[in-house]
Amino acid sequence: MRAGLIIVGIILLAAGIWIVAGHASYQDTDTLLQVGSAKITATHDKGVPQWIGIAGIVIGGLLAVGGFISKR
């Protein structure tokens, strides 16, 4: 259990840092016009919100510290 907490904490911490640094994005596709079976779409790259990265850093840090402090 202790090693699992440390590993998950480090992974969340690294993912949070990656998001806060601005390297995480996803694609969103919007339908602009649809006439019958013809469709015009647009794909946009959007960044993952910063609060998700900050939450990942905080939760990952807490899990990693909890794993290191655990006595079992």
PDB file of N, CA and C in Angstrom:
ATOM      1  N   MET A   1       0.824  -1.193   0.000  1.00  0.00           N
ATOM      2  CA  MET A   1       0.000   0.000   0.000  1.00  0.00           C
ATOM      3  C   MET A   1       0.866   1.255   0.000  1.00  0.00           C
ATOM      4  N   ARG A   2       1.941   1.229   0.751  1.00  0.00           N
ATOM      5  CA  ARG A   2       2.826   2.388   0.848  1.00  0.00           C
ATOM      6  C   ARG A   2       3.465   2.717  -0.501  1.00  0.00           C
ATOM      7  N   ALA A   3       3.958   1.681  -1.187  1.00  0.00           N
ATOM      8  CA  ALA A   3       4.583   1.908  -2.493  1.00  0.00           C
ATOM      9  C   ALA A   3       3.555   2.394  -3.510  1.00  0.00           C
ATOM     10  N   GLY A   4       2.328   1.892  -3.407  1.00  0.00           N
ATOM     11  CA  GLY A   4       1.265   2.327  -4.311  1.00  0.00           C
ATOM     12  C   GLY A   4       0.942   3.797  -4.148  1.00  0.00           C
ATOM     13  N   LEU A   5       0.891   4.258  -2.888  1.00  0.00           N
ATOM     14  CA  LEU A   5       0.636   5.677  -2.634  1.00  0.00           C
ATOM     15  C   LEU A   5       1.742   6.547  -3.214  1.00  0.00           C
ATOM     16  N   ILE A   6       2.967   6.111  -3.032  1.00  0.00           N
ATOM     17  CA  ILE A   6       4.100   6.888  -3.534  1.00  0.00           C
ATOM     18  C   ILE A   6       4.078   6.957  -5.064  1.00  0.00           C
ATOM     19  N   ILE A   7       3.826   5.828  -5.712  1.00  0.00           N
ATOM     20  CA  ILE A   7       3.826   5.786  -7.181  1.00  0.00           C
ATOM     21  C   ILE A   7       2.689   6.635  -7.749  1.00  0.00           C
ATOM     22  N   VAL A   8       1.480   6.476  -7.204  1.00  0.00           N
ATOM     23  CA  VAL A   8       0.343   7.258  -7.694  1.00  0.00           C
ATOM     24  C   VAL A   8       0.567   8.747  -7.422  1.00  0.00           C
ATOM     25  N   GLY A   9       1.115   9.070  -6.258  1.00  0.00           N
ATOM     26  CA  GLY A   9       1.399  10.460  -5.924  1.00  0.00           C
ATOM     27  C   GLY A   9       2.393  11.094  -6.888  1.00  0.00           C
ATOM     28  N   ILE A  10       3.450  10.367  -7.215  1.00  0.00           N
ATOM     29  CA  ILE A  10       4.456  10.899  -8.138  1.00  0.00           C
ATOM     30  C   ILE A  10       3.882  11.068  -9.541  1.00  0.00           C
ATOM     31  N   ILE A  11       3.036  10.111  -9.975  1.00  0.00           N
ATOM     32  CA  ILE A  11       2.417  10.218 -11.302  1.00  0.00           C
ATOM     33  C   ILE A  11       1.488  11.435 -11.362  1.00  0.00           C
ATOM     34  N   LEU A  12       0.651  11.628 -10.325  1.00  0.00           N
ATOM     35  CA  LEU A  12      -0.227  12.798 -10.296  1.00  0.00           C
ATOM     36  C   LEU A  12       0.564  14.097 -10.228  1.00  0.00           C
ATOM     37  N   LEU A  13       1.631  14.090  -9.469  1.00  0.00           N
ATOM     38  CA  LEU A  13       2.481  15.270  -9.354  1.00  0.00           C
ATOM     39  C   LEU A  13       3.090  15.636 -10.705  1.00  0.00           C
ATOM     40  N   ALA A  14       3.606  14.646 -11.413  1.00  0.00           N
ATOM     41  CA  ALA A  14       4.203  14.889 -12.729  1.00  0.00           C
ATOM     42  C   ALA A  14       3.152  15.356 -13.736  1.00  0.00           C
ATOM     43  N   ALA A  15       1.969  14.743 -13.711  1.00  0.00           N
ATOM     44  CA  ALA A  15       0.903  15.151 -14.633  1.00  0.00           C
ATOM     45  C   ALA A  15       0.450  16.575 -14.331  1.00  0.00           C
ATOM     46  N   GLY A  16       0.371  16.934 -13.051  1.00  0.00           N
ATOM     47  CA  GLY A  16      -0.010  18.290 -12.674  1.00  0.00           C
ATOM     48  C   GLY A  16       0.988  19.322 -13.152  1.00  0.00           C
ATOM     49  N   ILE A  17       2.261  19.001 -13.014  1.00  0.00           N
ATOM     50  CA  ILE A  17       3.314  19.914 -13.490  1.00  0.00           C
ATOM     51  C   ILE A  17       3.240  20.056 -15.006  1.00  0.00           C
ATOM     52  N   TRP A  18       2.979  18.958 -15.709  1.00  0.00           N
ATOM     53  CA  TRP A  18       2.858  18.972 -17.169  1.00  0.00           C
ATOM     54  C   TRP A  18       1.704  19.888 -17.605  1.00  0.00           C
ATOM     55  N   ILE A  19       0.584  19.810 -16.892  1.00  0.00           N
ATOM     56  CA  ILE A  19      -0.581  20.637 -17.232  1.00  0.00           C
ATOM     57  C   ILE A  19      -0.308  22.108 -16.931  1.00  0.00           C
ATOM     58  N   VAL A  20       0.264  22.400 -15.764  1.00  0.00           N
ATOM     59  CA  VAL A  20       0.533  23.791 -15.390  1.00  0.00           C
ATOM     60  C   VAL A  20       1.552  24.421 -16.333  1.00  0.00           C
ATOM     61  N   ALA A  21       2.485  23.629 -16.838  1.00  0.00           N
ATOM     62  CA  ALA A  21       3.485  24.156 -17.763  1.00  0.00           C
ATOM     63  C   ALA A  21       2.872  24.482 -19.133  1.00  0.00           C
ATOM     64  N   GLY A  22       1.627  24.056 -19.372  1.00  0.00           N
ATOM     65  CA  GLY A  22       0.935  24.406 -20.611  1.00  0.00           C
ATOM     66  C   GLY A  22       1.122  23.426 -21.742  1.00  0.00           C
ATOM     67  N   HIS A  23       1.539  22.211 -21.442  1.00  0.00           N
ATOM     68  CA  HIS A  23       1.793  21.236 -22.501  1.00  0.00           C
ATOM     69  C   HIS A  23       0.615  20.311 -22.772  1.00  0.00           C
ATOM     70  N   ALA A  24      -0.430  20.365 -21.953  1.00  0.00           N
ATOM     71  CA  ALA A  24      -1.567  19.465 -22.126  1.00  0.00           C
ATOM     72  C   ALA A  24      -2.675  20.165 -22.901  1.00  0.00           C
ATOM     73  N   SER A  25      -3.198  19.481 -23.908  1.00  0.00           N
ATOM     74  CA  SER A  25      -4.309  20.022 -24.681  1.00  0.00           C
ATOM     75  C   SER A  25      -5.155  18.865 -25.213  1.00  0.00           C
ATOM     76  N   TYR A  26      -6.340  19.214 -25.662  1.00  0.00           N
ATOM     77  CA  TYR A  26      -7.230  18.240 -26.272  1.00  0.00           C
ATOM     78  C   TYR A  26      -7.927  18.891 -27.449  1.00  0.00           C
ATOM     79  N   GLN A  27      -8.496  18.064 -28.325  1.00  0.00           N
ATOM     80  CA  GLN A  27      -9.170  18.595 -29.509  1.00  0.00           C
ATOM     81  C   GLN A  27     -10.679  18.541 -29.312  1.00  0.00           C
ATOM     82  N   ASP A  28     -11.350  19.602 -29.729  1.00  0.00           N
ATOM     83  CA  ASP A  28     -12.797  19.700 -29.646  1.00  0.00           C
ATOM     84  C   ASP A  28     -13.318  19.964 -31.048  1.00  0.00           C
ATOM     85  N   THR A  29     -14.303  19.197 -31.477  1.00  0.00           N
ATOM     86  CA  THR A  29     -14.865  19.347 -32.812  1.00  0.00           C
ATOM     87  C   THR A  29     -16.268  19.923 -32.705  1.00  0.00           C
ATOM     88  N   ASP A  30     -16.510  21.008 -33.425  1.00  0.00           N
ATOM     89  CA  ASP A  30     -17.817  21.662 -33.450  1.00  0.00           C
ATOM     90  C   ASP A  30     -18.417  21.531 -34.848  1.00  0.00           C
ATOM     91  N   THR A  31     -19.724  21.314 -34.899  1.00  0.00           N
ATOM     92  CA  THR A  31     -20.434  21.298 -36.173  1.00  0.00           C
ATOM     93  C   THR A  31     -20.878  22.723 -36.476  1.00  0.00           C
ATOM     94  N   LEU A  32     -20.363  23.276 -37.558  1.00  0.00           N
ATOM     95  CA  LEU A  32     -20.691  24.647 -37.934  1.00  0.00           C
ATOM     96  C   LEU A  32     -21.974  24.726 -38.748  1.00  0.00           C
ATOM     97  N   LEU A  33     -22.151  23.790 -39.675  1.00  0.00           N
ATOM     98  CA  LEU A  33     -23.302  23.823 -40.558  1.00  0.00           C
ATOM     99  C   LEU A  33     -23.624  22.403 -40.984  1.00  0.00           C
ATOM    100  N   GLN A  34     -24.927  22.073 -40.963  1.00  0.00           N
ATOM    101  CA  GLN A  34     -25.334  20.758 -41.427  1.00  0.00           C
ATOM    102  C   GLN A  34     -26.580  20.913 -42.279  1.00  0.00           C
ATOM    103  N   VAL A  35     -26.469  20.486 -43.538  1.00  0.00           N
ATOM    104  CA  VAL A  35     -27.590  20.521 -44.463  1.00  0.00           C
ATOM    105  C   VAL A  35     -27.751  19.113 -45.013  1.00  0.00           C
ATOM    106  N   GLY A  36     -28.796  18.449 -44.592  1.00  0.00           N
ATOM    107  CA  GLY A  36     -28.996  17.068 -45.015  1.00  0.00           C
ATOM    108  C   GLY A  36     -27.877  16.190 -44.473  1.00  0.00           C
ATOM    109  N   SER A  37     -27.213  15.471 -45.377  1.00  0.00           N
ATOM    110  CA  SER A  37     -26.110  14.619 -44.939  1.00  0.00           C
ATOM    111  C   SER A  37     -24.755  15.323 -45.018  1.00  0.00           C
ATOM    112  N   ALA A  38     -24.730  16.548 -45.592  1.00  0.00           N
ATOM    113  CA  ALA A  38     -23.485  17.314 -45.680  1.00  0.00           C
ATOM    114  C   ALA A  38     -23.260  18.066 -44.366  1.00  0.00           C
ATOM    115  N   LYS A  39     -22.033  18.033 -43.915  1.00  0.00           N
ATOM    116  CA  LYS A  39     -21.724  18.653 -42.630  1.00  0.00           C
ATOM    117  C   LYS A  39     -20.393  19.384 -42.724  1.00  0.00           C
ATOM    118  N   ILE A  40     -20.325  20.589 -42.135  1.00  0.00           N
ATOM    119  CA  ILE A  40     -19.079  21.344 -42.036  1.00  0.00           C
ATOM    120  C   ILE A  40     -18.697  21.402 -40.560  1.00  0.00           C
ATOM    121  N   THR A  41     -17.491  20.917 -40.268  1.00  0.00           N
ATOM    122  CA  THR A  41     -17.034  20.890 -38.875  1.00  0.00           C
ATOM    123  C   THR A  41     -15.725  21.649 -38.739  1.00  0.00           C
ATOM    124  N   ALA A  42     -15.448  22.058 -37.524  1.00  0.00           N
ATOM    125  CA  ALA A  42     -14.188  22.742 -37.214  1.00  0.00           C
ATOM    126  C   ALA A  42     -13.590  22.079 -35.979  1.00  0.00           C
ATOM    127  N   THR A  43     -12.299  21.827 -36.027  1.00  0.00           N
ATOM    128  CA  THR A  43     -11.592  21.218 -34.902  1.00  0.00           C
ATOM    129  C   THR A  43     -10.686  22.268 -34.267  1.00  0.00           C
ATOM    130  N   HIS A  44     -10.790  22.403 -32.947  1.00  0.00           N
ATOM    131  CA  HIS A  44     -10.017  23.389 -32.201  1.00  0.00           C
ATOM    132  C   HIS A  44      -9.167  22.672 -31.160  1.00  0.00           C
ATOM    133  N   ASP A  45      -7.936  23.130 -30.985  1.00  0.00           N
ATOM    134  CA  ASP A  45      -7.095  22.650 -29.893  1.00  0.00           C
ATOM    135  C   ASP A  45      -7.360  23.527 -28.678  1.00  0.00           C
ATOM    136  N   LYS A  46      -7.708  22.887 -27.573  1.00  0.00           N
ATOM    137  CA  LYS A  46      -7.981  23.625 -26.343  1.00  0.00           C
ATOM    138  C   LYS A  46      -7.040  23.134 -25.255  1.00  0.00           C
ATOM    139  N   GLY A  47      -6.609  24.046 -24.419  1.00  0.00           N
ATOM    140  CA  GLY A  47      -5.732  23.701 -23.312  1.00  0.00           C
ATOM    141  C   GLY A  47      -6.523  23.185 -22.117  1.00  0.00           C
ATOM    142  N   VAL A  48      -5.923  22.276 -21.371  1.00  0.00           N
ATOM    143  CA  VAL A  48      -6.545  21.777 -20.155  1.00  0.00           C
ATOM    144  C   VAL A  48      -6.492  22.898 -19.112  1.00  0.00           C
ATOM    145  N   PRO A  49      -7.585  23.127 -18.375  1.00  0.00           N
ATOM    146  CA  PRO A  49      -7.603  24.229 -17.395  1.00  0.00           C
ATOM    147  C   PRO A  49      -6.503  24.092 -16.336  1.00  0.00           C
ATOM    148  N   GLN A  50      -5.946  25.232 -15.931  1.00  0.00           N
ATOM    149  CA  GLN A  50      -4.846  25.247 -14.966  1.00  0.00           C
ATOM    150  C   GLN A  50      -5.244  24.675 -13.611  1.00  0.00           C
ATOM    151  N   TRP A  51      -6.510  24.836 -13.198  1.00  0.00           N
ATOM    152  CA  TRP A  51      -6.916  24.360 -11.885  1.00  0.00           C
ATOM    153  C   TRP A  51      -6.817  22.842 -11.788  1.00  0.00           C
ATOM    154  N   ILE A  52      -6.958  22.140 -12.905  1.00  0.00           N
ATOM    155  CA  ILE A  52      -6.806  20.683 -12.884  1.00  0.00           C
ATOM    156  C   ILE A  52      -5.350  20.323 -12.591  1.00  0.00           C
ATOM    157  N   GLY A  53      -4.415  21.052 -13.181  1.00  0.00           N
ATOM    158  CA  GLY A  53      -3.001  20.820 -12.916  1.00  0.00           C
ATOM    159  C   GLY A  53      -2.624  21.125 -11.478  1.00  0.00           C
ATOM    160  N   ILE A  54      -3.159  22.218 -10.948  1.00  0.00           N
ATOM    161  CA  ILE A  54      -2.865  22.580  -9.559  1.00  0.00           C
ATOM    162  C   ILE A  54      -3.435  21.537  -8.610  1.00  0.00           C
ATOM    163  N   ALA A  55      -4.656  21.068  -8.887  1.00  0.00           N
ATOM    164  CA  ALA A  55      -5.254  20.019  -8.052  1.00  0.00           C
ATOM    165  C   ALA A  55      -4.423  18.735  -8.122  1.00  0.00           C
ATOM    166  N   GLY A  56      -3.910  18.398  -9.300  1.00  0.00           N
ATOM    167  CA  GLY A  56      -3.056  17.214  -9.439  1.00  0.00           C
ATOM    168  C   GLY A  56      -1.766  17.337  -8.645  1.00  0.00           C
ATOM    169  N   ILE A  57      -1.188  18.530  -8.638  1.00  0.00           N
ATOM    170  CA  ILE A  57       0.040  18.753  -7.871  1.00  0.00           C
ATOM    171  C   ILE A  57      -0.230  18.606  -6.374  1.00  0.00           C
ATOM    172  N   VAL A  58      -1.309  19.212  -5.900  1.00  0.00           N
ATOM    173  CA  VAL A  58      -1.621  19.164  -4.471  1.00  0.00           C
ATOM    174  C   VAL A  58      -1.952  17.737  -4.028  1.00  0.00           C
ATOM    175  N   ILE A  59      -2.840  17.068  -4.759  1.00  0.00           N
ATOM    176  CA  ILE A  59      -3.239  15.707  -4.385  1.00  0.00           C
ATOM    177  C   ILE A  59      -2.064  14.743  -4.533  1.00  0.00           C
ATOM    178  N   GLY A  60      -1.297  14.869  -5.602  1.00  0.00           N
ATOM    179  CA  GLY A  60      -0.128  14.014  -5.790  1.00  0.00           C
ATOM    180  C   GLY A  60       0.905  14.206  -4.699  1.00  0.00           C
ATOM    181  N   GLY A  61       1.137  15.464  -4.316  1.00  0.00           N
ATOM    182  CA  GLY A  61       2.078  15.748  -3.233  1.00  0.00           C
ATOM    183  C   GLY A  61       1.616  15.154  -1.917  1.00  0.00           C
ATOM    184  N   LEU A  62       0.324  15.280  -1.618  1.00  0.00           N
ATOM    185  CA  LEU A  62      -0.208  14.713  -0.380  1.00  0.00           C
ATOM    186  C   LEU A  62      -0.105  13.192  -0.354  1.00  0.00           C
ATOM    187  N   LEU A  63      -0.404  12.550  -1.480  1.00  0.00           N
ATOM    188  CA  LEU A  63      -0.298  11.093  -1.540  1.00  0.00           C
ATOM    189  C   LEU A  63       1.152  10.625  -1.394  1.00  0.00           C
ATOM    190  N   ALA A  64       2.075  11.311  -2.069  1.00  0.00           N
ATOM    191  CA  ALA A  64       3.480  10.920  -1.986  1.00  0.00           C
ATOM    192  C   ALA A  64       4.014  11.110  -0.575  1.00  0.00           C
ATOM    193  N   VAL A  65       3.700  12.234   0.043  1.00  0.00           N
ATOM    194  CA  VAL A  65       4.150  12.486   1.416  1.00  0.00           C
ATOM    195  C   VAL A  65       3.505  11.481   2.371  1.00  0.00           C
ATOM    196  N   GLY A  66       2.227  11.189   2.174  1.00  0.00           N
ATOM    197  CA  GLY A  66       1.551  10.185   2.989  1.00  0.00           C
ATOM    198  C   GLY A  66       2.181   8.810   2.851  1.00  0.00           C
ATOM    199  N   GLY A  67       2.626   8.480   1.663  1.00  0.00           N
ATOM    200  CA  GLY A  67       3.297   7.192   1.456  1.00  0.00           C
ATOM    201  C   GLY A  67       4.659   7.144   2.113  1.00  0.00           C
ATOM    202  N   PHE A  68       5.391   8.248   2.095  1.00  0.00           N
ATOM    203  CA  PHE A  68       6.698   8.284   2.738  1.00  0.00           C
ATOM    204  C   PHE A  68       6.583   8.280   4.273  1.00  0.00           C
ATOM    205  N   ILE A  69       5.552   8.927   4.802  1.00  0.00           N
ATOM    206  CA  ILE A  69       5.397   9.015   6.252  1.00  0.00           C
ATOM    207  C   ILE A  69       4.779   7.751   6.841  1.00  0.00           C
ATOM    208  N   SER A  70       4.034   7.010   6.040  1.00  0.00           N
ATOM    209  CA  SER A  70       3.353   5.807   6.533  1.00  0.00           C
ATOM    210  C   SER A  70       4.348   4.849   7.194  1.00  0.00           C
ATOM    211  N   LYS A  71       3.999   4.316   8.352  1.00  0.00           N
ATOM    212  CA  LYS A  71       4.917   3.462   9.128  1.00  0.00           C
ATOM    213  C   LYS A  71       4.809   1.987   8.760  1.00  0.00           C
ATOM    214  N   ARG A  72       3.804   1.577   8.048  1.00  0.00           N
ATOM    215  CA  ARG A  72       3.616   0.152   7.753  1.00  0.00           C
ATOM    216  C   ARG A  72       4.521  -0.313   6.702  1.00  0.00           C
TER     217      ARG A  72
END
